[in-house]
Amino acid sequence: MLTTILLAVLAVVAVGAAGFALVPSALGNTRADKRLKAYQGDIRTTRRELDVNRTRDARRKTVQQALKAQTDELN
């Protein structure tokens, strides 16, 4: 009888712990949300910087090709 009650309590605690672990948003975890938003902001900034670098590199290559073509035409 006592083991049955202990097993039932253990099962309830296990289900509660699993729910607590799998559904953290039920607790209103604002710190985690802030961290996630801060991280996503960093991703956007990084993407923007990478796009600027790619555009700059593409322009540089285009200008180099144009100058090389003009130099080849002169020679």
N, C-alpha and C. Protein backbone atom coordinates (compact mmCIF):
# COMPACT_ATOMS: atom_id res chain seq x y z
N MET A 1 0.82 -1.19 0.00
CA MET A 1 0.00 0.00 0.00
C MET A 1 0.87 1.26 0.00
N LEU A 2 1.88 1.29 0.83
CA LEU A 2 2.76 2.45 0.92
C LEU A 2 3.56 2.62 -0.36
N THR A 3 4.00 1.51 -0.96
CA THR A 3 4.77 1.61 -2.20
C THR A 3 3.90 2.11 -3.34
N THR A 4 2.63 1.76 -3.33
CA THR A 4 1.71 2.24 -4.36
C THR A 4 1.56 3.76 -4.27
N ILE A 5 1.41 4.25 -3.06
CA ILE A 5 1.27 5.70 -2.86
C ILE A 5 2.57 6.41 -3.26
N LEU A 6 3.70 5.84 -2.87
CA LEU A 6 4.98 6.44 -3.24
C LEU A 6 5.18 6.45 -4.75
N LEU A 7 4.80 5.36 -5.42
CA LEU A 7 4.91 5.32 -6.88
C LEU A 7 3.99 6.35 -7.53
N ALA A 8 2.79 6.53 -6.99
CA ALA A 8 1.86 7.52 -7.53
C ALA A 8 2.42 8.93 -7.35
N VAL A 9 2.97 9.22 -6.17
CA VAL A 9 3.56 10.54 -5.92
C VAL A 9 4.75 10.76 -6.84
N LEU A 10 5.58 9.73 -6.99
CA LEU A 10 6.74 9.82 -7.87
C LEU A 10 6.31 10.07 -9.32
N ALA A 11 5.24 9.41 -9.76
CA ALA A 11 4.74 9.62 -11.12
C ALA A 11 4.23 11.05 -11.30
N VAL A 12 3.53 11.57 -10.30
CA VAL A 12 3.02 12.94 -10.38
C VAL A 12 4.18 13.93 -10.43
N VAL A 13 5.20 13.71 -9.61
CA VAL A 13 6.36 14.59 -9.61
C VAL A 13 7.09 14.51 -10.95
N ALA A 14 7.21 13.30 -11.51
CA ALA A 14 7.90 13.13 -12.79
C ALA A 14 7.14 13.85 -13.90
N VAL A 15 5.83 13.74 -13.93
CA VAL A 15 5.04 14.41 -14.95
C VAL A 15 5.14 15.93 -14.78
N GLY A 16 5.10 16.39 -13.55
CA GLY A 16 5.23 17.82 -13.29
C GLY A 16 6.59 18.35 -13.71
N ALA A 17 7.65 17.59 -13.41
CA ALA A 17 9.00 18.01 -13.80
C ALA A 17 9.15 18.04 -15.31
N ALA A 18 8.58 17.04 -15.99
CA ALA A 18 8.66 17.01 -17.45
C ALA A 18 7.90 18.20 -18.04
N GLY A 19 6.74 18.49 -17.50
CA GLY A 19 5.99 19.66 -17.97
C GLY A 19 6.73 20.95 -17.71
N PHE A 20 7.36 21.05 -16.56
CA PHE A 20 8.15 22.23 -16.21
C PHE A 20 9.33 22.40 -17.17
N ALA A 21 9.96 21.29 -17.54
CA ALA A 21 11.13 21.34 -18.42
C ALA A 21 10.75 21.62 -19.86
N LEU A 22 9.63 21.07 -20.30
CA LEU A 22 9.25 21.18 -21.71
C LEU A 22 8.44 22.42 -22.03
N VAL A 23 7.85 23.06 -21.05
CA VAL A 23 7.02 24.23 -21.30
C VAL A 23 7.49 25.39 -20.41
N PRO A 24 8.68 25.94 -20.70
CA PRO A 24 9.16 27.03 -19.86
C PRO A 24 8.40 28.33 -20.07
N SER A 25 7.72 28.46 -21.21
CA SER A 25 6.99 29.70 -21.47
C SER A 25 5.78 29.83 -20.54
N ALA A 26 5.34 28.74 -19.94
CA ALA A 26 4.21 28.81 -19.02
C ALA A 26 4.57 29.60 -17.76
N LEU A 27 5.85 29.71 -17.47
CA LEU A 27 6.29 30.44 -16.29
C LEU A 27 6.52 31.91 -16.57
N GLY A 28 6.38 32.33 -17.83
CA GLY A 28 6.64 33.72 -18.17
C GLY A 28 8.12 34.03 -18.12
N ASN A 29 8.89 33.24 -18.82
CA ASN A 29 10.34 33.35 -18.77
C ASN A 29 10.80 34.51 -19.65
N THR A 30 10.74 35.71 -19.11
CA THR A 30 11.07 36.90 -19.89
C THR A 30 12.56 37.05 -20.12
N ARG A 31 13.38 36.55 -19.20
CA ARG A 31 14.83 36.66 -19.39
C ARG A 31 15.27 35.87 -20.61
N ALA A 32 14.71 34.68 -20.78
CA ALA A 32 15.06 33.87 -21.94
C ALA A 32 14.58 34.56 -23.22
N ASP A 33 13.40 35.16 -23.17
CA ASP A 33 12.90 35.88 -24.34
C ASP A 33 13.80 37.06 -24.70
N LYS A 34 14.28 37.77 -23.69
CA LYS A 34 15.18 38.90 -23.95
C LYS A 34 16.50 38.42 -24.56
N ARG A 35 17.03 37.32 -24.03
CA ARG A 35 18.27 36.78 -24.58
C ARG A 35 18.07 36.36 -26.03
N LEU A 36 16.94 35.72 -26.31
CA LEU A 36 16.66 35.28 -27.67
C LEU A 36 16.54 36.48 -28.61
N LYS A 37 15.85 37.52 -28.19
CA LYS A 37 15.72 38.71 -29.03
C LYS A 37 17.06 39.40 -29.24
N ALA A 38 17.88 39.45 -28.20
CA ALA A 38 19.20 40.06 -28.33
C ALA A 38 20.04 39.27 -29.32
N TYR A 39 19.96 37.96 -29.26
CA TYR A 39 20.73 37.12 -30.18
C TYR A 39 20.24 37.31 -31.61
N GLN A 40 18.94 37.36 -31.80
CA GLN A 40 18.40 37.57 -33.14
C GLN A 40 18.80 38.93 -33.68
N GLY A 41 18.86 39.92 -32.84
CA GLY A 41 19.32 41.24 -33.27
C GLY A 41 20.75 41.18 -33.75
N ASP A 42 21.59 40.43 -33.06
CA ASP A 42 22.98 40.28 -33.48
C ASP A 42 23.06 39.58 -34.83
N ILE A 43 22.20 38.61 -35.07
CA ILE A 43 22.20 37.91 -36.36
C ILE A 43 21.86 38.88 -37.47
N ARG A 44 20.87 39.72 -37.25
CA ARG A 44 20.47 40.69 -38.29
C ARG A 44 21.60 41.67 -38.58
N THR A 45 22.26 42.13 -37.55
CA THR A 45 23.38 43.06 -37.73
C THR A 45 24.50 42.39 -38.50
N THR A 46 24.80 41.16 -38.14
CA THR A 46 25.86 40.43 -38.82
C THR A 46 25.51 40.22 -40.29
N ARG A 47 24.26 39.86 -40.57
CA ARG A 47 23.84 39.67 -41.97
C ARG A 47 23.98 40.96 -42.76
N ARG A 48 23.59 42.06 -42.13
CA ARG A 48 23.68 43.36 -42.80
C ARG A 48 25.13 43.69 -43.12
N GLU A 49 26.02 43.44 -42.15
CA GLU A 49 27.44 43.72 -42.38
C GLU A 49 28.00 42.81 -43.47
N LEU A 50 27.59 41.56 -43.48
CA LEU A 50 28.06 40.64 -44.52
C LEU A 50 27.58 41.09 -45.90
N ASP A 51 26.33 41.56 -45.98
CA ASP A 51 25.81 42.04 -47.26
C ASP A 51 26.61 43.25 -47.74
N VAL A 52 26.96 44.15 -46.83
CA VAL A 52 27.75 45.33 -47.20
C VAL A 52 29.11 44.89 -47.71
N ASN A 53 29.73 43.94 -47.02
CA ASN A 53 31.04 43.45 -47.45
C ASN A 53 30.97 42.77 -48.81
N ARG A 54 29.92 41.99 -49.03
CA ARG A 54 29.76 41.31 -50.33
C ARG A 54 29.58 42.34 -51.45
N THR A 55 28.76 43.36 -51.19
CA THR A 55 28.54 44.40 -52.19
C THR A 55 29.84 45.13 -52.49
N ARG A 56 30.59 45.47 -51.45
CA ARG A 56 31.86 46.16 -51.63
C ARG A 56 32.84 45.30 -52.43
N ASP A 57 32.91 44.02 -52.11
CA ASP A 57 33.81 43.12 -52.84
C ASP A 57 33.38 42.97 -54.30
N ALA A 58 32.07 42.89 -54.52
CA ALA A 58 31.58 42.76 -55.89
C ALA A 58 31.92 44.01 -56.70
N ARG A 59 31.75 45.19 -56.11
CA ARG A 59 32.11 46.43 -56.80
C ARG A 59 33.60 46.47 -57.11
N ARG A 60 34.41 46.08 -56.14
CA ARG A 60 35.85 46.10 -56.32
C ARG A 60 36.26 45.17 -57.47
N LYS A 61 35.66 43.99 -57.52
CA LYS A 61 35.99 43.05 -58.60
C LYS A 61 35.54 43.60 -59.96
N THR A 62 34.37 44.23 -59.99
CA THR A 62 33.88 44.80 -61.24
C THR A 62 34.80 45.91 -61.73
N VAL A 63 35.23 46.77 -60.82
CA VAL A 63 36.14 47.86 -61.20
C VAL A 63 37.47 47.30 -61.66
N GLN A 64 37.98 46.29 -60.97
CA GLN A 64 39.25 45.68 -61.37
C GLN A 64 39.14 45.07 -62.76
N GLN A 65 38.04 44.40 -63.04
CA GLN A 65 37.85 43.81 -64.36
C GLN A 65 37.76 44.88 -65.43
N ALA A 66 37.05 45.98 -65.14
CA ALA A 66 36.92 47.06 -66.11
C ALA A 66 38.28 47.70 -66.38
N LEU A 67 39.05 47.95 -65.32
CA LEU A 67 40.39 48.53 -65.50
C LEU A 67 41.31 47.60 -66.27
N LYS A 68 41.21 46.31 -66.00
CA LYS A 68 42.04 45.35 -66.72
C LYS A 68 41.65 45.31 -68.19
N ALA A 69 40.35 45.37 -68.46
CA ALA A 69 39.90 45.36 -69.85
C ALA A 69 40.38 46.61 -70.58
N GLN A 70 40.31 47.76 -69.92
CA GLN A 70 40.79 49.00 -70.54
C GLN A 70 42.30 48.95 -70.76
N THR A 71 43.02 48.40 -69.82
CA THR A 71 44.48 48.29 -69.96
C THR A 71 44.83 47.36 -71.11
N ASP A 72 44.10 46.26 -71.22
CA ASP A 72 44.35 45.32 -72.32
C ASP A 72 44.05 45.95 -73.68
N GLU A 73 43.01 46.81 -73.74
CA GLU A 73 42.67 47.47 -74.99
C GLU A 73 43.75 48.47 -75.40
N LEU A 74 44.35 49.13 -74.41
CA LEU A 74 45.39 50.12 -74.72
C LEU A 74 46.67 49.45 -75.20
N ASN A 75 46.94 48.26 -74.75
CA ASN A 75 48.17 47.55 -75.15
C ASN A 75 47.94 46.73 -76.35
